[in-house]
């Protein structure tokens, strides 16, 4: 059994990562590390002019995600992290570069920094990927009511979803729990939350952490990796 467990909640904008991070943190009694949104000085300007603010925004996220990851390692206590440093680079920054919003020099510098950073980090023990279709993402984004997100193009979300699929397919050496989240409501349907909790517990592969029996198979949950 590991000394501590590092769980990452992964997913597109509007997938429900922050909500589920809080719910699982409360349930397991683990520290939660949330994505910086309200205090991020680049996020709202970015949606108004992506090319102007893309590099600054991604450096901000990379810096704070690194700090959170290091804190988890240094505290050596089980924790849940809202999004991973790998998503920042291999999905969001990659997308901005391929859209022409981040120049070649910026992208190469960013990618070199990312590679240097991740070489020093312990990988998470489990990634829980909340997969949602674009319609579901748009509905959640609308419900949370951030004005700057209202201008987000649907094809931007669709591109991110495609890059998430590429990223998940590449994580064959890590444990990834793919959750088909469309149709699941972890806030207003307690049974859905209980289902998620049991599937996550089973995917951890450390039965000493929990007394619950292994969760039964469910087609909405798929465990990848070793």
Protein backbone atom coordinates (compact mmCIF):
# COMPACT_ATOMS: atom_id res chain seq x y z
CA UNK A 1 0.00 0.00 0.00
CA UNK A 2 1.31 3.47 -0.92
CA UNK A 3 1.98 5.95 1.82
CA UNK A 4 -0.58 8.28 0.27
CA UNK A 5 -2.93 8.27 -2.71
CA UNK A 6 -3.00 10.93 -5.45
CA UNK A 7 -6.27 10.98 -7.41
CA UNK A 8 -6.83 13.33 -10.36
CA UNK A 9 -10.24 14.39 -11.71
CA UNK A 10 -9.83 15.00 -15.44
CA UNK A 11 -12.25 16.38 -17.98
CA UNK A 12 -13.23 19.12 -20.39
CA UNK A 13 -14.59 22.54 -19.44
CA UNK A 14 -18.02 21.96 -17.88
CA UNK A 15 -17.45 18.25 -17.23
CA UNK A 16 -18.12 18.66 -13.50
CA UNK A 17 -14.56 18.15 -12.23
CA UNK A 18 -14.67 20.77 -9.49
CA UNK A 19 -18.03 19.57 -8.17
CA UNK A 20 -16.95 15.93 -8.12
CA UNK A 21 -13.59 16.84 -6.57
CA UNK A 22 -15.47 18.41 -3.65
CA UNK A 23 -17.90 15.52 -3.31
CA UNK A 24 -15.16 12.88 -3.26
CA UNK A 25 -12.98 14.97 -0.96
CA UNK A 26 -15.82 15.18 1.56
CA UNK A 27 -16.58 11.47 1.20
CA UNK A 28 -13.00 10.22 1.55
CA UNK A 29 -11.79 12.90 3.95
CA UNK A 30 -8.94 13.83 1.62
CA UNK A 31 -7.52 17.28 0.87
CA UNK A 32 -8.85 18.85 -2.34
CA UNK A 33 -6.72 20.94 -4.70
CA UNK A 34 -8.90 23.08 -6.96
CA UNK A 35 -8.14 24.74 -10.25
CA UNK A 36 -7.46 28.50 -9.97
CA UNK A 37 -10.38 30.26 -11.65
CA UNK A 38 -11.68 33.23 -9.65
CA UNK A 39 -8.18 34.58 -8.90
CA UNK A 40 -6.78 33.91 -12.39
CA UNK A 41 -6.04 37.33 -13.96
CA UNK A 42 -5.78 35.95 -17.51
CA UNK A 43 -8.88 33.78 -17.82
CA UNK A 44 -11.54 36.36 -18.67
CA UNK A 45 -9.28 38.37 -21.05
CA UNK A 46 -8.31 35.09 -22.74
CA UNK A 47 -11.85 34.41 -23.92
CA UNK A 48 -11.94 37.89 -25.45
CA UNK A 49 -8.59 37.56 -27.27
CA UNK A 50 -7.17 34.04 -27.22
CA UNK A 51 -4.09 34.82 -29.30
CA UNK A 52 -3.07 37.68 -26.99
CA UNK A 53 -3.45 35.78 -23.72
CA UNK A 54 -2.98 32.09 -24.55
CA UNK A 55 0.68 31.78 -23.53
CA UNK A 56 0.26 33.78 -20.31
CA UNK A 57 -2.82 31.77 -19.35
CA UNK A 58 -1.14 28.42 -19.90
CA UNK A 59 1.99 29.43 -17.98
CA UNK A 60 -0.24 30.53 -15.08
CA UNK A 61 -2.04 27.17 -15.02
CA UNK A 62 1.21 25.21 -15.39
CA UNK A 63 2.82 27.09 -12.50
CA UNK A 64 -0.08 26.61 -10.11
CA UNK A 65 -0.68 22.99 -11.12
CA UNK A 66 2.98 22.26 -10.45
CA UNK A 67 2.66 23.88 -7.02
CA UNK A 68 -0.37 21.75 -6.18
CA UNK A 69 1.30 18.56 -7.39
CA UNK A 70 4.41 19.30 -5.34
CA UNK A 71 2.30 20.07 -2.27
CA UNK A 72 0.63 16.67 -2.54
CA UNK A 73 4.04 14.98 -2.68
CA UNK A 74 5.52 17.02 0.14
CA UNK A 75 2.54 16.65 2.49
CA UNK A 76 2.41 12.91 1.76
CA UNK A 77 -1.28 12.75 2.49
CA UNK A 78 -4.01 11.43 0.21
CA UNK A 79 -5.48 14.14 -1.99
CA UNK A 80 -7.76 14.82 -4.96
CA UNK A 81 -6.60 17.23 -7.66
CA UNK A 82 -8.97 19.12 -9.95
CA UNK A 83 -7.31 18.57 -13.37
CA UNK A 84 -3.72 17.48 -14.02
CA UNK A 85 -0.65 19.24 -15.33
CA UNK A 86 -0.74 16.87 -18.33
CA UNK A 87 -4.12 18.19 -19.44
CA UNK A 88 -2.78 21.74 -19.40
CA UNK A 89 -0.03 20.86 -21.85
CA UNK A 90 -1.28 17.97 -23.95
CA UNK A 91 -4.86 19.17 -24.41
CA UNK A 92 -5.32 22.89 -23.78
CA UNK A 93 -1.95 24.30 -24.85
CA UNK A 94 -1.77 21.85 -27.76
CA UNK A 95 -5.24 22.94 -28.90
CA UNK A 96 -4.31 26.61 -28.75
CA UNK A 97 -1.17 26.01 -30.77
CA UNK A 98 -2.99 24.00 -33.43
CA UNK A 99 -5.70 26.68 -33.62
CA UNK A 100 -2.99 29.24 -34.34
CA UNK A 101 -3.58 31.04 -31.02
CA UNK A 102 -0.13 30.14 -29.61
CA UNK A 103 2.88 30.74 -31.85
CA UNK A 104 5.43 28.08 -32.68
CA UNK A 105 8.09 29.62 -30.44
CA UNK A 106 5.68 29.95 -27.52
CA UNK A 107 4.49 26.36 -27.97
CA UNK A 108 8.01 24.94 -28.17
CA UNK A 109 9.11 26.89 -25.08
CA UNK A 110 6.01 25.84 -23.16
CA UNK A 111 6.38 22.18 -24.15
CA UNK A 112 10.07 22.13 -23.17
CA UNK A 113 9.19 23.56 -19.76
CA UNK A 114 6.38 21.04 -19.29
CA UNK A 115 8.70 18.13 -20.09
CA UNK A 116 11.29 19.35 -17.61
CA UNK A 117 8.62 19.72 -14.94
CA UNK A 118 6.92 16.34 -15.31
CA UNK A 119 10.26 14.51 -15.25
CA UNK A 120 10.49 15.56 -11.59
CA UNK A 121 6.97 14.54 -10.55
CA UNK A 122 5.47 11.31 -9.22
CA UNK A 123 2.57 10.31 -11.52
CA UNK A 124 -0.93 10.27 -9.98
CA UNK A 125 -2.13 6.89 -8.73
CA UNK A 126 -5.47 7.14 -10.52
CA UNK A 127 -7.00 9.46 -13.12
CA UNK A 128 -10.80 9.64 -13.19
CA UNK A 129 -11.87 11.00 -16.58
CA UNK A 130 -15.37 12.49 -16.67
CA UNK A 131 -16.31 12.07 -20.32
CA UNK A 132 -19.17 14.29 -21.54
CA UNK A 133 -20.54 15.17 -24.95
CA UNK A 134 -20.58 18.76 -26.19
CA UNK A 135 -24.31 19.20 -25.49
CA UNK A 136 -23.83 18.20 -21.86
CA UNK A 137 -20.76 20.44 -21.52
CA UNK A 138 -22.64 23.43 -22.94
CA UNK A 139 -25.56 22.85 -20.59
CA UNK A 140 -23.28 22.79 -17.54
CA UNK A 141 -21.37 25.87 -18.70
CA UNK A 142 -24.65 27.74 -19.13
CA UNK A 143 -25.87 26.70 -15.67
CA UNK A 144 -22.80 28.02 -13.88
CA UNK A 145 -23.28 31.40 -15.54
CA UNK A 146 -19.77 32.75 -16.12
CA UNK A 147 -20.24 35.58 -18.62
CA UNK A 148 -16.87 35.15 -20.32
CA UNK A 149 -17.58 31.45 -20.98
CA UNK A 150 -20.81 32.30 -22.80
CA UNK A 151 -18.72 33.33 -25.81
CA UNK A 152 -17.00 29.93 -26.02
CA UNK A 153 -17.49 28.33 -29.47
CA UNK A 154 -18.96 24.84 -29.54
CA UNK A 155 -16.25 23.66 -31.91
CA UNK A 156 -13.66 24.71 -29.32
CA UNK A 157 -15.19 22.24 -26.85
CA UNK A 158 -15.43 19.58 -29.56
CA UNK A 159 -11.73 19.95 -30.36
CA UNK A 160 -10.85 19.64 -26.68
CA UNK A 161 -12.95 16.48 -26.45
CA UNK A 162 -11.00 14.96 -29.34
CA UNK A 163 -7.70 15.80 -27.67
CA UNK A 164 -8.95 14.27 -24.42
CA UNK A 165 -9.61 11.03 -26.27
CA UNK A 166 -6.07 11.11 -27.69
CA UNK A 167 -4.63 11.76 -24.24
CA UNK A 168 -6.61 9.00 -22.52
CA UNK A 169 -5.59 6.52 -25.22
CA UNK A 170 -1.93 7.42 -24.59
CA UNK A 171 -2.06 6.74 -20.82
CA UNK A 172 -1.80 2.96 -21.17
CA UNK A 173 0.89 2.78 -18.48
CA UNK A 174 -1.35 4.49 -15.89
CA UNK A 175 -4.64 3.60 -14.21
CA UNK A 176 -7.51 5.59 -15.74
CA UNK A 177 -11.18 5.24 -14.86
CA UNK A 178 -13.32 6.50 -17.75
CA UNK A 179 -16.76 7.63 -16.56
CA UNK A 180 -19.52 8.07 -19.14
CA UNK A 181 -20.99 11.08 -17.33
CA UNK A 182 -23.84 12.02 -19.68
CA UNK A 183 -27.01 10.99 -17.87
CA UNK A 184 -25.34 10.83 -14.46
CA UNK A 185 -26.10 13.51 -11.84
CA UNK A 186 -23.70 13.34 -8.90
CA UNK A 187 -25.27 16.31 -7.10
CA UNK A 188 -29.02 15.69 -7.18
CA UNK A 189 -29.09 11.90 -7.47
CA UNK A 190 -27.41 10.30 -4.44
CA UNK A 191 -27.49 6.88 -6.10
CA UNK A 192 -25.29 8.19 -8.93
CA UNK A 193 -22.77 9.55 -6.44
CA UNK A 194 -22.73 6.24 -4.55
CA UNK A 195 -22.14 4.43 -7.83
CA UNK A 196 -19.21 6.71 -8.64
CA UNK A 197 -17.73 6.32 -5.16
CA UNK A 198 -17.78 2.53 -5.35
CA UNK A 199 -16.30 2.48 -8.85
CA UNK A 200 -13.50 4.83 -7.80
CA UNK A 201 -12.77 2.74 -4.73
CA UNK A 202 -12.53 -0.40 -6.87
CA UNK A 203 -10.29 1.34 -9.40
CA UNK A 204 -7.84 2.42 -6.71
CA UNK A 205 -6.67 -1.14 -6.31
CA UNK A 206 -5.91 -0.60 -2.61
CA UNK A 207 -8.60 -2.43 -0.70
CA UNK A 208 -6.93 -1.51 2.62
CA UNK A 209 -8.19 2.06 2.16
CA UNK A 210 -11.87 1.09 2.21
CA UNK A 211 -14.12 -1.54 3.71
CA UNK A 212 -16.55 -1.67 0.77
CA UNK A 213 -16.71 -4.71 -1.49
CA UNK A 214 -15.56 -4.42 -5.06
CA UNK A 215 -18.09 -2.61 -7.24
CA UNK A 216 -20.02 -4.72 -9.78
CA UNK A 217 -19.33 -4.16 -13.50
CA UNK A 218 -21.14 -1.21 -15.07
CA UNK A 219 -20.86 -0.23 -18.76
CA UNK A 220 -20.65 3.45 -17.85
CA UNK A 221 -17.32 2.90 -16.06
CA UNK A 222 -14.24 1.51 -17.77
CA UNK A 223 -10.87 0.98 -16.09
CA UNK A 224 -7.78 1.28 -18.29
CA UNK A 225 -4.13 0.60 -17.52
CA UNK A 226 -2.32 -1.81 -15.20
